[in-house]
């Protein structure tokens, strides 16, 4: 959304006409304004106009120099923007007060004008001098309004710039929020994956505990068997005989294993031979299928030609029956042409 500059506080206000150009202008005595109040107001306006911008810039420079993150910078710009809004709102009462002073002065001049009409016999005042005084007052008032208008336009430009910066910061904040949402989604996904992995780990731990229990049980059984073996252990001669018997059995087993390996190698060789023969047979079958397809196609062509010839023969015979004077040789020639061509 595009940021629009705020409206001017003097927008739509009509300018007053020069009293010297009015038809019904009459003498009005001058009301002296307190010089202290005028000087005080001028000093305030000039001081605020000269220092406010520098105060804002110094505030932003100081705050941004201590900022270490985007949130700190956003907070600093927000505080500056709030201060600018407060200052802008403070300008409106000043303009209203100027208008009120002008209205009061006009009312006072009208009252003096009326009193001058009543006491005109005792007072003689030059109309041109009074008109010049009034014009000087109006010019002074116009200068004050122009000064306030320039200050207001400066504040409006600064406020517009701050609003633009606020819009940019809002976009950055939105991008940060979107990034945070993406991070939350990733964290949720990671939490689901972590939960699944933790579940798998618990299952593995349960399996390990079960296997440890089985291993302990086997160790107890082995200990019992060792005790029984130690109890039933015979003499060294018996052990030697048993070893010899086992060696003989092992030799016989190895012999049988070698024979089996030889048989397996023979079977593998025969299988390779059969595979090669099967490959050759598959090639021959493919060739025969190809020839069979060609023969089928030829047979189909012969059938089509035969049906075509039968149809032509029927047509010619029907013509012959219709016209018996037609020579038979022409019918045979026609059949031969259709058959071969």
C-alpha atoms as a PDB file:
ATOM      1  CA  UNK A   1       0.000   0.000   0.000  1.00  0.00           C
ATOM      2  CA  UNK A   2       1.392   3.387  -1.029  1.00  0.00           C
ATOM      3  CA  UNK A   3       1.807   5.935   1.782  1.00  0.00           C
ATOM      4  CA  UNK A   4       0.128   9.276   1.090  1.00  0.00           C
ATOM      5  CA  UNK A   5       1.475  12.484   2.664  1.00  0.00           C
ATOM      6  CA  UNK A   6      -0.790  14.036   5.302  1.00  0.00           C
ATOM      7  CA  UNK A   7      -2.986  16.933   4.353  1.00  0.00           C
ATOM      8  CA  UNK A   8      -1.826  20.451   5.094  1.00  0.00           C
ATOM      9  CA  UNK A   9      -3.532  22.074   8.124  1.00  0.00           C
ATOM     10  CA  UNK A  10      -4.166  25.195   5.939  1.00  0.00           C
ATOM     11  CA  UNK A  11      -5.722  23.199   3.080  1.00  0.00           C
ATOM     12  CA  UNK A  12      -9.044  24.666   1.996  1.00  0.00           C
ATOM     13  CA  UNK A  13      -8.640  27.913   3.961  1.00  0.00           C
ATOM     14  CA  UNK A  14      -9.588  30.978   1.922  1.00  0.00           C
ATOM     15  CA  UNK A  15      -7.435  34.072   2.045  1.00  0.00           C
ATOM     16  CA  UNK A  16      -8.887  37.276   3.407  1.00  0.00           C
ATOM     17  CA  UNK A  17      -9.080  40.246   1.061  1.00  0.00           C
ATOM     18  CA  UNK A  18      -7.041  43.392   1.491  1.00  0.00           C
ATOM     19  CA  UNK A  19      -9.184  45.753   3.659  1.00  0.00           C
ATOM     20  CA  UNK A  20      -8.067  48.751   1.573  1.00  0.00           C
ATOM     21  CA  UNK A  21      -9.704  47.240  -1.510  1.00  0.00           C
ATOM     22  CA  UNK A  22     -13.049  46.734   0.208  1.00  0.00           C
ATOM     23  CA  UNK A  23     -15.797  49.240  -0.541  1.00  0.00           C
ATOM     24  CA  UNK A  24     -17.038  49.623   3.050  1.00  0.00           C
ATOM     25  CA  UNK A  25     -13.622  50.033   4.659  1.00  0.00           C
ATOM     26  CA  UNK A  26     -13.628  52.572   7.493  1.00  0.00           C
ATOM     27  CA  UNK A  27     -11.240  53.737  10.128  1.00  0.00           C
ATOM     28  CA  UNK A  28     -10.529  51.354  12.976  1.00  0.00           C
ATOM     29  CA  UNK A  29      -8.189  52.204  15.855  1.00  0.00           C
ATOM     30  CA  UNK A  30      -5.055  50.064  16.247  1.00  0.00           C
ATOM     31  CA  UNK A  31      -4.837  47.683  19.186  1.00  0.00           C
ATOM     32  CA  UNK A  32      -1.314  47.243  20.400  1.00  0.00           C
ATOM     33  CA  UNK A  33      -0.276  43.616  20.960  1.00  0.00           C
ATOM     34  CA  UNK A  34       2.036  42.833  23.864  1.00  0.00           C
ATOM     35  CA  UNK A  35       5.573  42.795  22.453  1.00  0.00           C
ATOM     36  CA  UNK A  36       6.694  40.168  24.990  1.00  0.00           C
ATOM     37  CA  UNK A  37       4.131  37.622  23.763  1.00  0.00           C
ATOM     38  CA  UNK A  38       5.031  38.243  20.094  1.00  0.00           C
ATOM     39  CA  UNK A  39       8.745  37.846  20.742  1.00  0.00           C
ATOM     40  CA  UNK A  40       8.103  34.749  22.877  1.00  0.00           C
ATOM     41  CA  UNK A  41       6.051  33.073  20.130  1.00  0.00           C
ATOM     42  CA  UNK A  42       8.612  33.958  17.437  1.00  0.00           C
ATOM     43  CA  UNK A  43      11.461  32.608  19.549  1.00  0.00           C
ATOM     44  CA  UNK A  44       9.593  29.363  20.201  1.00  0.00           C
ATOM     45  CA  UNK A  45       8.754  28.825  16.513  1.00  0.00           C
ATOM     46  CA  UNK A  46      12.265  29.631  15.263  1.00  0.00           C
ATOM     47  CA  UNK A  47      13.879  27.472  17.969  1.00  0.00           C
ATOM     48  CA  UNK A  48      11.608  24.488  17.271  1.00  0.00           C
ATOM     49  CA  UNK A  49      12.085  24.863  13.521  1.00  0.00           C
ATOM     50  CA  UNK A  50      15.880  25.047  13.868  1.00  0.00           C
ATOM     51  CA  UNK A  51      16.444  22.195  16.325  1.00  0.00           C
ATOM     52  CA  UNK A  52      13.692  19.616  15.864  1.00  0.00           C
ATOM     53  CA  UNK A  53      15.154  18.053  12.723  1.00  0.00           C
ATOM     54  CA  UNK A  54      18.638  17.871  14.285  1.00  0.00           C
ATOM     55  CA  UNK A  55      17.171  16.318  17.426  1.00  0.00           C
ATOM     56  CA  UNK A  56      15.444  13.628  15.369  1.00  0.00           C
ATOM     57  CA  UNK A  57      18.621  12.901  13.402  1.00  0.00           C
ATOM     58  CA  UNK A  58      20.795  12.782  16.551  1.00  0.00           C
ATOM     59  CA  UNK A  59      18.266  10.514  18.241  1.00  0.00           C
ATOM     60  CA  UNK A  60      18.231   8.109  15.270  1.00  0.00           C
ATOM     61  CA  UNK A  61      22.050   8.163  14.936  1.00  0.00           C
ATOM     62  CA  UNK A  62      22.520   7.426  18.636  1.00  0.00           C
ATOM     63  CA  UNK A  63      19.890   4.698  18.775  1.00  0.00           C
ATOM     64  CA  UNK A  64      21.007   3.015  15.529  1.00  0.00           C
ATOM     65  CA  UNK A  65      24.654   3.032  16.646  1.00  0.00           C
ATOM     66  CA  UNK A  66      23.656   0.878  19.667  1.00  0.00           C
ATOM     67  CA  UNK A  67      21.273  -1.346  17.658  1.00  0.00           C
ATOM     68  CA  UNK A  68      22.467  -4.931  17.146  1.00  0.00           C
ATOM     69  CA  UNK A  69      19.440  -6.489  15.473  1.00  0.00           C
ATOM     70  CA  UNK A  70      16.495  -5.663  13.213  1.00  0.00           C
ATOM     71  CA  UNK A  71      14.129  -5.483  16.183  1.00  0.00           C
ATOM     72  CA  UNK A  72      16.311  -2.791  17.828  1.00  0.00           C
ATOM     73  CA  UNK A  73      16.341  -0.728  14.602  1.00  0.00           C
ATOM     74  CA  UNK A  74      12.579  -1.116  14.191  1.00  0.00           C
ATOM     75  CA  UNK A  75      12.009   0.029  17.793  1.00  0.00           C
ATOM     76  CA  UNK A  76      14.273   3.090  17.239  1.00  0.00           C
ATOM     77  CA  UNK A  77      12.408   4.113  14.065  1.00  0.00           C
ATOM     78  CA  UNK A  78       9.089   3.584  15.852  1.00  0.00           C
ATOM     79  CA  UNK A  79      10.112   5.899  18.701  1.00  0.00           C
ATOM     80  CA  UNK A  80      11.270   8.570  16.203  1.00  0.00           C
ATOM     81  CA  UNK A  81       8.025   8.244  14.276  1.00  0.00           C
ATOM     82  CA  UNK A  82       5.973   8.621  17.486  1.00  0.00           C
ATOM     83  CA  UNK A  83       7.967  11.744  18.401  1.00  0.00           C
ATOM     84  CA  UNK A  84       7.348  13.190  14.926  1.00  0.00           C
ATOM     85  CA  UNK A  85       3.625  12.510  15.237  1.00  0.00           C
ATOM     86  CA  UNK A  86       3.543  14.261  18.600  1.00  0.00           C
ATOM     87  CA  UNK A  87       5.383  17.274  17.152  1.00  0.00           C
ATOM     88  CA  UNK A  88       3.044  17.401  14.175  1.00  0.00           C
ATOM     89  CA  UNK A  89       0.032  17.283  16.460  1.00  0.00           C
ATOM     90  CA  UNK A  90       1.613  20.083  18.479  1.00  0.00           C
ATOM     91  CA  UNK A  91       1.626  22.307  15.365  1.00  0.00           C
ATOM     92  CA  UNK A  92      -2.152  22.217  15.069  1.00  0.00           C
ATOM     93  CA  UNK A  93      -2.839  23.998  18.411  1.00  0.00           C
ATOM     94  CA  UNK A  94      -0.281  26.665  17.453  1.00  0.00           C
ATOM     95  CA  UNK A  95      -2.107  27.390  14.197  1.00  0.00           C
ATOM     96  CA  UNK A  96      -5.430  27.350  16.010  1.00  0.00           C
ATOM     97  CA  UNK A  97      -4.015  29.760  18.576  1.00  0.00           C
ATOM     98  CA  UNK A  98      -2.801  32.104  15.802  1.00  0.00           C
ATOM     99  CA  UNK A  99      -6.259  32.049  14.257  1.00  0.00           C
ATOM    100  CA  UNK A 100      -7.819  32.699  17.667  1.00  0.00           C
ATOM    101  CA  UNK A 101      -5.481  35.665  18.241  1.00  0.00           C
ATOM    102  CA  UNK A 102      -6.366  37.006  14.821  1.00  0.00           C
ATOM    103  CA  UNK A 103     -10.095  36.619  15.542  1.00  0.00           C
ATOM    104  CA  UNK A 104      -9.682  38.343  18.887  1.00  0.00           C
ATOM    105  CA  UNK A 105      -7.715  41.146  17.248  1.00  0.00           C
ATOM    106  CA  UNK A 106     -10.354  41.538  14.544  1.00  0.00           C
ATOM    107  CA  UNK A 107     -13.110  41.606  17.158  1.00  0.00           C
ATOM    108  CA  UNK A 108     -11.187  44.210  19.147  1.00  0.00           C
ATOM    109  CA  UNK A 109     -10.679  46.331  16.026  1.00  0.00           C
ATOM    110  CA  UNK A 110     -14.381  46.105  15.184  1.00  0.00           C
ATOM    111  CA  UNK A 111     -15.285  47.218  18.685  1.00  0.00           C
ATOM    112  CA  UNK A 112     -12.812  50.122  18.465  1.00  0.00           C
ATOM    113  CA  UNK A 113     -14.303  50.998  15.098  1.00  0.00           C
ATOM    114  CA  UNK A 114     -17.749  51.162  16.597  1.00  0.00           C
ATOM    115  CA  UNK A 115     -16.499  53.288  19.512  1.00  0.00           C
ATOM    116  CA  UNK A 116     -14.713  55.550  17.003  1.00  0.00           C
ATOM    117  CA  UNK A 117     -18.013  56.069  15.203  1.00  0.00           C
ATOM    118  CA  UNK A 118     -19.682  57.086  18.458  1.00  0.00           C
ATOM    119  CA  UNK A 119     -16.855  59.427  19.487  1.00  0.00           C
ATOM    120  CA  UNK A 120     -16.031  60.707  15.987  1.00  0.00           C
ATOM    121  CA  UNK A 121     -16.780  64.265  17.054  1.00  0.00           C
ATOM    122  CA  UNK A 122     -13.878  64.239  19.528  1.00  0.00           C
ATOM    123  CA  UNK A 123     -11.323  62.264  17.390  1.00  0.00           C
ATOM    124  CA  UNK A 124      -9.778  62.958  13.989  1.00  0.00           C
ATOM    125  CA  UNK A 125      -7.553  60.244  12.638  1.00  0.00           C
ATOM    126  CA  UNK A 126      -6.150  59.917   9.162  1.00  0.00           C
ATOM    127  CA  UNK A 127      -7.719  56.938   7.279  1.00  0.00           C
ATOM    128  CA  UNK A 128      -4.595  56.330   5.229  1.00  0.00           C
ATOM    129  CA  UNK A 129      -2.408  56.037   8.346  1.00  0.00           C
ATOM    130  CA  UNK A 130      -4.824  53.536   9.899  1.00  0.00           C
ATOM    131  CA  UNK A 131      -5.017  51.534   6.643  1.00  0.00           C
ATOM    132  CA  UNK A 132      -1.220  51.401   6.494  1.00  0.00           C
ATOM    133  CA  UNK A 133      -1.086  50.144  10.083  1.00  0.00           C
ATOM    134  CA  UNK A 134      -3.684  47.499   9.344  1.00  0.00           C
ATOM    135  CA  UNK A 135      -1.786  46.431   6.219  1.00  0.00           C
ATOM    136  CA  UNK A 136       1.428  46.195   8.228  1.00  0.00           C
ATOM    137  CA  UNK A 137      -0.358  43.992  10.741  1.00  0.00           C
ATOM    138  CA  UNK A 138      -1.751  41.822   7.969  1.00  0.00           C
ATOM    139  CA  UNK A 139       1.675  41.521   6.319  1.00  0.00           C
ATOM    140  CA  UNK A 140       3.149  40.545   9.672  1.00  0.00           C
ATOM    141  CA  UNK A 141       0.420  37.981  10.092  1.00  0.00           C
ATOM    142  CA  UNK A 142       1.038  36.663   6.526  1.00  0.00           C
ATOM    143  CA  UNK A 143       4.745  36.360   7.232  1.00  0.00           C
ATOM    144  CA  UNK A 144       3.971  34.372  10.379  1.00  0.00           C
ATOM    145  CA  UNK A 145       1.614  32.123   8.418  1.00  0.00           C
ATOM    146  CA  UNK A 146       4.194  31.614   5.670  1.00  0.00           C
ATOM    147  CA  UNK A 147       6.817  30.742   8.246  1.00  0.00           C
ATOM    148  CA  UNK A 148       4.449  28.254   9.908  1.00  0.00           C
ATOM    149  CA  UNK A 149       3.522  26.880   6.498  1.00  0.00           C
ATOM    150  CA  UNK A 150       7.202  26.306   5.586  1.00  0.00           C
ATOM    151  CA  UNK A 151       7.809  24.601   8.927  1.00  0.00           C
ATOM    152  CA  UNK A 152       4.686  22.511   8.452  1.00  0.00           C
ATOM    153  CA  UNK A 153       5.762  21.462   4.944  1.00  0.00           C
ATOM    154  CA  UNK A 154       9.167  20.460   6.264  1.00  0.00           C
ATOM    155  CA  UNK A 155       7.543  18.408   8.993  1.00  0.00           C
ATOM    156  CA  UNK A 156       5.194  16.849   6.434  1.00  0.00           C
ATOM    157  CA  UNK A 157       8.128  15.889   4.209  1.00  0.00           C
ATOM    158  CA  UNK A 158       9.978  14.370   7.151  1.00  0.00           C
ATOM    159  CA  UNK A 159       6.815  12.589   8.249  1.00  0.00           C
ATOM    160  CA  UNK A 160       6.301  11.242   4.717  1.00  0.00           C
ATOM    161  CA  UNK A 161       9.890  10.002   4.662  1.00  0.00           C
ATOM    162  CA  UNK A 162       9.396   8.346   8.024  1.00  0.00           C
ATOM    163  CA  UNK A 163       6.195   6.750   6.774  1.00  0.00           C
ATOM    164  CA  UNK A 164       8.054   5.391   3.757  1.00  0.00           C
ATOM    165  CA  UNK A 165      10.732   4.026   6.079  1.00  0.00           C
ATOM    166  CA  UNK A 166       7.982   2.594   8.253  1.00  0.00           C
ATOM    167  CA  UNK A 167       6.488   0.872   5.185  1.00  0.00           C
ATOM    168  CA  UNK A 168       9.894  -0.591   4.295  1.00  0.00           C
ATOM    169  CA  UNK A 169      10.379  -1.736   7.873  1.00  0.00           C
ATOM    170  CA  UNK A 170       6.895  -3.261   7.843  1.00  0.00           C
ATOM    171  CA  UNK A 171       7.846  -5.233   4.733  1.00  0.00           C
ATOM    172  CA  UNK A 172      11.059  -6.371   6.431  1.00  0.00           C
ATOM    173  CA  UNK A 173       9.081  -7.349   9.533  1.00  0.00           C
ATOM    174  CA  UNK A 174       6.644  -9.306   7.341  1.00  0.00           C
ATOM    175  CA  UNK A 175       9.582 -11.067   5.684  1.00  0.00           C
ATOM    176  CA  UNK A 176      11.008 -11.875   9.139  1.00  0.00           C
ATOM    177  CA  UNK A 177       7.605 -13.176  10.263  1.00  0.00           C
ATOM    178  CA  UNK A 178       7.353 -15.344   7.134  1.00  0.00           C
ATOM    179  CA  UNK A 179      10.855 -16.640   7.789  1.00  0.00           C
ATOM    180  CA  UNK A 180       9.897 -17.402  11.394  1.00  0.00           C
ATOM    181  CA  UNK A 181       6.815 -19.273  10.182  1.00  0.00           C
ATOM    182  CA  UNK A 182       9.001 -21.290   7.811  1.00  0.00           C
ATOM    183  CA  UNK A 183      11.384 -22.011  10.673  1.00  0.00           C
ATOM    184  CA  UNK A 184       8.445 -23.124  12.817  1.00  0.00           C
ATOM    185  CA  UNK A 185       7.279 -25.469  10.057  1.00  0.00           C
ATOM    186  CA  UNK A 186      10.808 -26.859   9.723  1.00  0.00           C
ATOM    187  CA  UNK A 187      11.031 -27.244  13.500  1.00  0.00           C
ATOM    188  CA  UNK A 188       7.726 -29.111  13.571  1.00  0.00           C
ATOM    189  CA  UNK A 189       8.935 -31.381  10.778  1.00  0.00           C
ATOM    190  CA  UNK A 190      12.236 -31.913  12.561  1.00  0.00           C
ATOM    191  CA  UNK A 191      10.384 -32.620  15.825  1.00  0.00           C
ATOM    192  CA  UNK A 192       8.320 -35.287  14.026  1.00  0.00           C
ATOM    193  CA  UNK A 193      11.486 -36.828  12.586  1.00  0.00           C
ATOM    194  CA  UNK A 194      13.168 -36.683  16.020  1.00  0.00           C
ATOM    195  CA  UNK A 195      10.111 -38.324  17.581  1.00  0.00           C
ATOM    196  CA  UNK A 196      10.248 -41.135  15.006  1.00  0.00           C
ATOM    197  CA  UNK A 197      13.991 -41.584  15.560  1.00  0.00           C
ATOM    198  CA  UNK A 198      13.482 -41.630  19.338  1.00  0.00           C
ATOM    199  CA  UNK A 199      10.794 -44.277  18.882  1.00  0.00           C
ATOM    200  CA  UNK A 200      13.201 -46.352  16.783  1.00  0.00           C
ATOM    201  CA  UNK A 201      15.918 -45.889  19.437  1.00  0.00           C
ATOM    202  CA  UNK A 202      13.539 -47.056  22.182  1.00  0.00           C
ATOM    203  CA  UNK A 203      12.652 -50.082  20.063  1.00  0.00           C
ATOM    204  CA  UNK A 204      16.355 -50.822  19.556  1.00  0.00           C
ATOM    205  CA  UNK A 205      16.966 -50.465  23.283  1.00  0.00           C
ATOM    206  CA  UNK A 206      14.123 -52.888  23.987  1.00  0.00           C
ATOM    207  CA  UNK A 207      15.605 -55.346  21.494  1.00  0.00           C
ATOM    208  CA  UNK A 208      19.042 -54.907  23.079  1.00  0.00           C
ATOM    209  CA  UNK A 209      17.580 -55.569  26.517  1.00  0.00           C
ATOM    210  CA  UNK A 210      15.851 -58.702  25.186  1.00  0.00           C
ATOM    211  CA  UNK A 211      19.093 -59.877  23.551  1.00  0.00           C
ATOM    212  CA  UNK A 212      21.024 -59.144  26.762  1.00  0.00           C
ATOM    213  CA  UNK A 213      18.549 -61.264  28.703  1.00  0.00           C
ATOM    214  CA  UNK A 214      18.912 -64.079  26.150  1.00  0.00           C
ATOM    215  CA  UNK A 215      22.714 -63.715  26.277  1.00  0.00           C
ATOM    216  CA  UNK A 216      22.684 -63.955  30.071  1.00  0.00           C
ATOM    217  CA  UNK A 217      20.479 -67.022  29.839  1.00  0.00           C
ATOM    218  CA  UNK A 218      22.878 -68.600  27.330  1.00  0.00           C
ATOM    219  CA  UNK A 219      25.834 -67.769  29.551  1.00  0.00           C
ATOM    220  CA  UNK A 220      24.107 -69.508  32.461  1.00  0.00           C
ATOM    221  CA  UNK A 221      23.429 -72.530  30.256  1.00  0.00           C
ATOM    222  CA  UNK A 222      27.043 -72.554  29.054  1.00  0.00           C
ATOM    223  CA  UNK A 223      28.242 -72.407  32.649  1.00  0.00           C
ATOM    224  CA  UNK A 224      26.014 -75.354  33.525  1.00  0.00           C
ATOM    225  CA  UNK A 225      27.273 -77.288  30.475  1.00  0.00           C
ATOM    226  CA  UNK A 226      30.857 -76.507  31.411  1.00  0.00           C
ATOM    227  CA  UNK A 227      30.185 -77.821  34.881  1.00  0.00           C
ATOM    228  CA  UNK A 228      28.684 -80.971  33.411  1.00  0.00           C
ATOM    229  CA  UNK A 229      31.580 -81.256  30.961  1.00  0.00           C
ATOM    230  CA  UNK A 230      34.087 -80.926  33.763  1.00  0.00           C
ATOM    231  CA  UNK A 231      32.187 -83.560  35.721  1.00  0.00           C
ATOM    232  CA  UNK A 232      31.934 -85.969  32.803  1.00  0.00           C
ATOM    233  CA  UNK A 233      35.447 -85.363  31.494  1.00  0.00           C
ATOM    234  CA  UNK A 234      37.182 -88.660  30.971  1.00  0.00           C
ATOM    235  CA  UNK A 235      40.824 -89.588  30.882  1.00  0.00           C
ATOM    236  CA  UNK A 236      43.289 -88.201  28.334  1.00  0.00           C
ATOM    237  CA  UNK A 237      43.275 -91.446  26.331  1.00  0.00           C
ATOM    238  CA  UNK A 238      39.559 -91.228  25.802  1.00  0.00           C
ATOM    239  CA  UNK A 239      39.905 -87.636  24.740  1.00  0.00           C
ATOM    240  CA  UNK A 240      42.672 -88.586  22.293  1.00  0.00           C
ATOM    241  CA  UNK A 241      40.569 -91.380  20.808  1.00  0.00           C
ATOM    242  CA  UNK A 242      37.666 -89.021  20.496  1.00  0.00           C
ATOM    243  CA  UNK A 243      39.907 -86.479  18.750  1.00  0.00           C
ATOM    244  CA  UNK A 244      41.163 -89.131  16.345  1.00  0.00           C
ATOM    245  CA  UNK A 245      37.624 -90.216  15.584  1.00  0.00           C
ATOM    246  CA  UNK A 246      36.627 -86.650  14.982  1.00  0.00           C
ATOM    247  CA  UNK A 247      39.638 -86.133  12.676  1.00  0.00           C
ATOM    248  CA  UNK A 248      38.728 -89.214  10.694  1.00  0.00           C
ATOM    249  CA  UNK A 249      35.136 -88.025  10.389  1.00  0.00           C
ATOM    250  CA  UNK A 250      36.351 -84.593   9.390  1.00  0.00           C
ATOM    251  CA  UNK A 251      38.618 -86.121   6.716  1.00  0.00           C
ATOM    252  CA  UNK A 252      35.713 -88.156   5.369  1.00  0.00           C
ATOM    253  CA  UNK A 253      33.509 -85.057   5.365  1.00  0.00           C
ATOM    254  CA  UNK A 254      36.171 -83.072   3.472  1.00  0.00           C
ATOM    255  CA  UNK A 255      36.485 -85.873   0.934  1.00  0.00           C
ATOM    256  CA  UNK A 256      32.747 -85.904   0.434  1.00  0.00           C
ATOM    257  CA  UNK A 257      32.807 -82.093   0.135  1.00  0.00           C
ATOM    258  CA  UNK A 258      35.492 -82.257  -2.570  1.00  0.00           C
ATOM    259  CA  UNK A 259      33.459 -84.835  -4.488  1.00  0.00           C
ATOM    260  CA  UNK A 260      30.397 -82.636  -4.188  1.00  0.00           C
ATOM    261  CA  UNK A 261      32.357 -79.614  -5.451  1.00  0.00           C
ATOM    262  CA  UNK A 262      33.528 -81.671  -8.451  1.00  0.00           C
ATOM    263  CA  UNK A 263      29.937 -82.730  -9.170  1.00  0.00           C
ATOM    264  CA  UNK A 264      28.754 -79.167  -8.827  1.00  0.00           C
ATOM    265  CA  UNK A 265      31.399 -77.910 -11.268  1.00  0.00           C
ATOM    266  CA  UNK A 266      30.375 -80.603 -13.755  1.00  0.00           C
ATOM    267  CA  UNK A 267      26.741 -79.622 -13.345  1.00  0.00           C
ATOM    268  CA  UNK A 268      27.616 -75.958 -13.871  1.00  0.00           C
ATOM    269  CA  UNK A 269      29.545 -76.801 -17.046  1.00  0.00           C
ATOM    270  CA  UNK A 270      26.617 -78.831 -18.310  1.00  0.00           C
ATOM    271  CA  UNK A 271      24.292 -75.952 -17.441  1.00  0.00           C
ATOM    272  CA  UNK A 272      26.452 -73.524 -19.456  1.00  0.00           C
ATOM    273  CA  UNK A 273      26.364 -75.947 -22.396  1.00  0.00           C
ATOM    274  CA  UNK A 274      22.584 -76.232 -22.099  1.00  0.00           C
ATOM    275  CA  UNK A 275      22.265 -72.434 -21.864  1.00  0.00           C
ATOM    276  CA  UNK A 276      24.220 -72.009 -25.095  1.00  0.00           C
ATOM    277  CA  UNK A 277      22.059 -74.661 -26.788  1.00  0.00           C
ATOM    278  CA  UNK A 278      18.913 -72.977 -25.481  1.00  0.00           C
ATOM    279  CA  UNK A 279      20.165 -69.651 -26.882  1.00  0.00           C
ATOM    280  CA  UNK A 280      20.746 -71.244 -30.279  1.00  0.00           C
ATOM    281  CA  UNK A 281      17.313 -72.888 -30.150  1.00  0.00           C
ATOM    282  CA  UNK A 282      15.725 -69.525 -29.275  1.00  0.00           C
ATOM    283  CA  UNK A 283      17.461 -67.967 -32.301  1.00  0.00           C
ATOM    284  CA  UNK A 284      16.225 -70.821 -34.532  1.00  0.00           C
ATOM    285  CA  UNK A 285      12.717 -70.437 -33.091  1.00  0.00           C
ATOM    286  CA  UNK A 286      12.826 -66.700 -33.801  1.00  0.00           C
ATOM    287  CA  UNK A 287      13.895 -67.399 -37.425  1.00  0.00           C
ATOM    288  CA  UNK A 288      11.144 -70.009 -37.774  1.00  0.00           C
ATOM    289  CA  UNK A 289       8.575 -67.604 -36.331  1.00  0.00           C
ATOM    290  CA  UNK A 290       9.714 -64.977 -38.804  1.00  0.00           C
ATOM    291  CA  UNK A 291       9.387 -67.457 -41.683  1.00  0.00           C
ATOM    292  CA  UNK A 292       6.014 -68.567 -40.324  1.00  0.00           C
ATOM    293  CA  UNK A 293       4.814 -64.967 -40.258  1.00  0.00           C
ATOM    294  CA  UNK A 294       5.985 -64.503 -43.865  1.00  0.00           C
ATOM    295  CA  UNK A 295       4.180 -67.724 -44.889  1.00  0.00           C
ATOM    296  CA  UNK A 296       1.037 -66.570 -43.060  1.00  0.00           C
ATOM    297  CA  UNK A 297       1.178 -63.251 -44.863  1.00  0.00           C
ATOM    298  CA  UNK A 298       1.592 -65.036 -48.206  1.00  0.00           C
ATOM    299  CA  UNK A 299      -1.281 -67.363 -47.328  1.00  0.00           C
ATOM    300  CA  UNK A 300      -3.435 -64.377 -46.429  1.00  0.00           C
ATOM    301  CA  UNK A 301      -2.559 -62.719 -49.758  1.00  0.00           C
ATOM    302  CA  UNK A 302      -3.411 -65.913 -51.637  1.00  0.00           C
ATOM    303  CA  UNK A 303      -6.737 -66.122 -49.816  1.00  0.00           C
ATOM    304  CA  UNK A 304      -7.517 -62.512 -50.675  1.00  0.00           C
ATOM    305  CA  UNK A 305      -6.564 -63.084 -54.312  1.00  0.00           C
ATOM    306  CA  UNK A 306      -8.655 -66.293 -54.401  1.00  0.00           C
ATOM    307  CA  UNK A 307     -11.678 -64.484 -52.963  1.00  0.00           C
ATOM    308  CA  UNK A 308     -11.135 -61.674 -55.463  1.00  0.00           C
ATOM    309  CA  UNK A 309     -10.862 -64.198 -58.326  1.00  0.00           C
ATOM    310  CA  UNK A 310     -14.021 -66.007 -57.151  1.00  0.00           C
ATOM    311  CA  UNK A 311     -15.890 -62.741 -57.077  1.00  0.00           C
ATOM    312  CA  UNK A 312     -14.704 -61.841 -60.589  1.00  0.00           C
ATOM    313  CA  UNK A 313     -15.597 -65.327 -61.857  1.00  0.00           C
ATOM    314  CA  UNK A 314     -19.072 -64.984 -60.417  1.00  0.00           C
ATOM    315  CA  UNK A 315     -19.449 -61.605 -62.080  1.00  0.00           C
ATOM    316  CA  UNK A 316     -18.223 -62.959 -65.443  1.00  0.00           C
ATOM    317  CA  UNK A 317     -20.406 -66.058 -65.216  1.00  0.00           C
ATOM    318  CA  UNK A 318     -23.368 -63.897 -64.386  1.00  0.00           C
ATOM    319  CA  UNK A 319     -22.577 -61.812 -67.469  1.00  0.00           C
ATOM    320  CA  UNK A 320     -22.212 -65.016 -69.487  1.00  0.00           C
ATOM    321  CA  UNK A 321     -25.599 -66.237 -68.326  1.00  0.00           C
ATOM    322  CA  UNK A 322     -27.044 -62.907 -69.208  1.00  0.00           C
ATOM    323  CA  UNK A 323     -25.252 -62.875 -72.596  1.00  0.00           C
ATOM    324  CA  UNK A 324     -24.654 -66.449 -73.862  1.00  0.00           C
ATOM    325  CA  UNK A 325     -23.073 -65.151 -77.080  1.00  0.00           C
ATOM    326  CA  UNK A 326     -20.053 -63.905 -75.097  1.00  0.00           C
ATOM    327  CA  UNK A 327     -16.966 -66.039 -76.023  1.00  0.00           C
ATOM    328  CA  UNK A 328     -15.551 -68.240 -73.262  1.00  0.00           C
ATOM    329  CA  UNK A 329     -11.991 -67.271 -74.185  1.00  0.00           C
ATOM    330  CA  UNK A 330     -12.611 -63.670 -73.160  1.00  0.00           C
ATOM    331  CA  UNK A 331     -13.870 -64.818 -69.773  1.00  0.00           C
ATOM    332  CA  UNK A 332     -10.740 -66.931 -69.251  1.00  0.00           C
ATOM    333  CA  UNK A 333      -8.486 -64.053 -70.302  1.00  0.00           C
ATOM    334  CA  UNK A 334     -10.205 -61.725 -67.839  1.00  0.00           C
ATOM    335  CA  UNK A 335      -9.803 -64.267 -65.030  1.00  0.00           C
ATOM    336  CA  UNK A 336      -6.099 -64.700 -65.859  1.00  0.00           C
ATOM    337  CA  UNK A 337      -5.507 -60.959 -65.900  1.00  0.00           C
ATOM    338  CA  UNK A 338      -7.175 -60.472 -62.516  1.00  0.00           C
ATOM    339  CA  UNK A 339      -5.284 -63.407 -61.033  1.00  0.00           C
ATOM    340  CA  UNK A 340      -1.804 -62.367 -62.150  1.00  0.00           C
ATOM    341  CA  UNK A 341      -2.173 -58.616 -62.027  1.00  0.00           C
END
